[in-house]
Amino acid sequence: MVTVTVAVLGLVAAVAGSTAVAVHHLDQTEIKRIQDKAATEIQRIQDKATADVARDQTEIKRIQDKAATEIKRIHDKAATEIAQAKADVARVEGERRLSEERLRAEVERYKYDLRLTQTQDFKPYQAAIRENQIKRGGAGGPQD
């Protein structure tokens, strides 16, 4: 009976060893499967992150381009408005100068007329002015 017990114990030990090897092999296979699954998931996440970054960079570039275009449009509009304002100022300044020159000439003519009214030559002067106006077609039109 001792021999059978030893043989049974040997058989049990052999089965236990085989089972341990099989369990170890299954554990290694499961670990490998989990590692592969984790690596696949990590790669998927990295690919998604790379795609998201590329999409976001494209969107940033589009927004920057749109902003640059809008800034240029506003700048061009402001430059046009400034140029128009400068032209308006120059036109008004020119009109003011011309008006001042006309007023000075009118004042000088008035002074001259005033001086003439104080002299004996006033009536002949007025007659010459009327005659000039008539010849040029002013003050009643041309006289034939």
Protein backbone atom coordinates (compact mmCIF):
# COMPACT_ATOMS: atom_id res chain seq x y z
CA MET A 1 0.00 0.00 0.00
CA VAL A 2 2.88 2.32 0.50
CA THR A 3 3.88 1.84 -3.10
CA VAL A 4 0.42 2.72 -4.29
CA THR A 5 0.35 5.75 -2.04
CA VAL A 6 3.72 6.84 -3.33
CA ALA A 7 2.54 6.24 -6.87
CA VAL A 8 -0.69 8.14 -6.23
CA LEU A 9 1.28 10.91 -4.60
CA GLY A 10 3.61 10.98 -7.59
CA LEU A 11 0.64 11.07 -9.91
CA VAL A 12 -1.01 13.83 -7.89
CA ALA A 13 2.27 15.74 -7.88
CA ALA A 14 2.58 15.28 -11.65
CA VAL A 15 -1.02 16.42 -12.23
CA ALA A 16 -0.50 19.36 -9.88
CA GLY A 17 2.69 20.30 -11.73
CA SER A 18 0.97 20.01 -15.09
CA THR A 19 -1.94 22.04 -13.81
CA ALA A 20 0.42 24.68 -12.46
CA VAL A 21 2.19 24.83 -15.84
CA ALA A 22 -1.15 25.05 -17.65
CA VAL A 23 -2.44 27.75 -15.29
CA HIS A 24 0.83 29.66 -15.66
CA HIS A 25 0.57 29.36 -19.44
CA LEU A 26 -3.08 30.55 -19.35
CA ASP A 27 -2.11 33.44 -17.08
CA GLN A 28 0.68 34.44 -19.48
CA THR A 29 -1.73 34.20 -22.44
CA GLU A 30 -4.32 36.32 -20.59
CA ILE A 31 -1.66 38.86 -19.59
CA LYS A 32 -0.47 39.04 -23.21
CA ARG A 33 -4.06 39.46 -24.45
CA ILE A 34 -4.69 42.26 -21.92
CA GLN A 35 -1.39 43.94 -22.86
CA ASP A 36 -2.28 43.73 -26.57
CA LYS A 37 -5.75 45.11 -25.90
CA ALA A 38 -4.26 47.95 -23.81
CA ALA A 39 -1.68 48.72 -26.51
CA THR A 40 -4.44 48.81 -29.15
CA GLU A 41 -6.54 51.14 -26.98
CA ILE A 42 -3.53 53.39 -26.29
CA GLN A 43 -2.79 53.57 -30.03
CA ARG A 44 -6.45 54.38 -30.79
CA ILE A 45 -6.42 57.18 -28.21
CA GLN A 46 -3.12 58.54 -29.55
CA ASP A 47 -4.46 58.47 -33.13
CA LYS A 48 -7.64 60.24 -32.03
CA ALA A 49 -5.62 62.84 -30.12
CA THR A 50 -3.38 63.41 -33.16
CA ALA A 51 -6.44 63.83 -35.38
CA ASP A 52 -8.03 66.21 -32.85
CA VAL A 53 -4.85 68.29 -32.66
CA ALA A 54 -4.63 68.47 -36.47
CA ARG A 55 -8.31 69.47 -36.71
CA ASP A 56 -7.88 72.10 -34.00
CA GLN A 57 -4.76 73.51 -35.69
CA THR A 58 -6.68 73.75 -38.97
CA GLU A 59 -9.51 75.55 -37.19
CA ILE A 60 -7.05 77.93 -35.48
CA LYS A 61 -5.44 78.69 -38.86
CA ARG A 62 -8.87 79.32 -40.42
CA ILE A 63 -9.84 81.68 -37.60
CA GLN A 64 -6.48 83.49 -37.80
CA ASP A 65 -6.88 83.91 -41.57
CA LYS A 66 -10.42 85.19 -41.11
CA ALA A 67 -9.26 87.64 -38.42
CA ALA A 68 -6.37 88.83 -40.61
CA THR A 69 -8.77 89.38 -43.52
CA GLU A 70 -11.17 91.33 -41.30
CA ILE A 71 -8.33 93.43 -39.84
CA LYS A 72 -7.10 94.23 -43.37
CA ARG A 73 -10.64 95.15 -44.47
CA ILE A 74 -11.07 97.45 -41.48
CA HIS A 75 -7.60 98.96 -42.02
CA ASP A 76 -8.32 99.56 -45.71
CA LYS A 77 -11.70 101.09 -44.90
CA ALA A 78 -10.10 103.37 -42.29
CA ALA A 79 -7.36 104.38 -44.75
CA THR A 80 -10.01 105.21 -47.36
CA GLU A 81 -12.00 107.24 -44.84
CA ILE A 82 -8.85 109.09 -43.74
CA ALA A 83 -7.93 109.85 -47.35
CA GLN A 84 -11.49 111.09 -48.00
CA ALA A 85 -11.37 113.24 -44.86
CA LYS A 86 -8.02 114.72 -45.94
CA ALA A 87 -9.45 115.45 -49.38
CA ASP A 88 -12.50 117.09 -47.79
CA VAL A 89 -10.28 119.19 -45.51
CA ALA A 90 -8.15 120.26 -48.48
CA ARG A 91 -11.28 121.13 -50.50
CA VAL A 92 -12.81 123.13 -47.64
CA GLU A 93 -9.47 124.84 -46.99
CA GLY A 94 -9.25 125.77 -50.68
CA GLU A 95 -12.80 127.10 -50.63
CA ARG A 96 -12.01 129.08 -47.48
CA ARG A 97 -8.91 130.61 -49.07
CA LEU A 98 -10.84 131.50 -52.21
CA SER A 99 -13.62 132.99 -50.10
CA GLU A 100 -11.07 135.01 -48.11
CA GLU A 101 -9.52 136.27 -51.35
CA ARG A 102 -12.94 137.28 -52.69
CA LEU A 103 -13.77 139.01 -49.41
CA ARG A 104 -10.44 140.86 -49.43
CA ALA A 105 -11.03 141.97 -53.02
CA GLU A 106 -14.56 143.06 -52.14
CA VAL A 107 -13.31 144.97 -49.09
CA GLU A 108 -10.64 146.66 -51.20
CA ARG A 109 -13.23 147.55 -53.84
CA TYR A 110 -15.54 148.89 -51.13
CA LYS A 111 -12.68 150.97 -49.65
CA TYR A 112 -11.88 152.26 -53.12
CA ASP A 113 -15.55 153.09 -53.74
CA LEU A 114 -15.73 154.78 -50.36
CA ARG A 115 -12.68 156.88 -51.14
CA LEU A 116 -14.13 157.80 -54.51
CA THR A 117 -17.40 158.90 -52.93
CA GLN A 118 -15.35 161.40 -51.00
CA THR A 119 -13.85 162.81 -54.19
CA GLN A 120 -15.24 164.63 -57.19
CA ASP A 121 -14.44 161.65 -59.50
CA PHE A 122 -17.19 159.44 -58.07
CA LYS A 123 -19.88 159.97 -60.71
CA PRO A 124 -17.61 159.29 -63.69
CA TYR A 125 -16.32 156.15 -61.90
CA GLN A 126 -19.87 154.86 -61.32
CA ALA A 127 -20.72 155.54 -64.95
CA ALA A 128 -17.66 153.56 -66.08
CA ILE A 129 -18.64 150.61 -63.86
CA ARG A 130 -22.19 150.59 -65.28
CA GLU A 131 -20.84 150.77 -68.80
CA ASN A 132 -18.50 147.82 -68.12
CA GLN A 133 -21.34 145.76 -66.70
CA ILE A 134 -23.48 146.50 -69.71
CA LYS A 135 -20.68 145.50 -72.09
CA ARG A 136 -20.15 142.21 -70.22
CA GLY A 137 -23.84 141.44 -70.13
CA GLY A 138 -24.41 142.13 -66.45
CA ALA A 139 -26.86 144.49 -64.73
CA GLY A 140 -29.70 144.29 -67.18
CA GLY A 141 -28.05 142.49 -70.09
CA PRO A 142 -26.14 143.74 -73.12
CA GLN A 143 -27.31 146.95 -74.71
CA ASP A 144 -27.17 147.30 -78.48
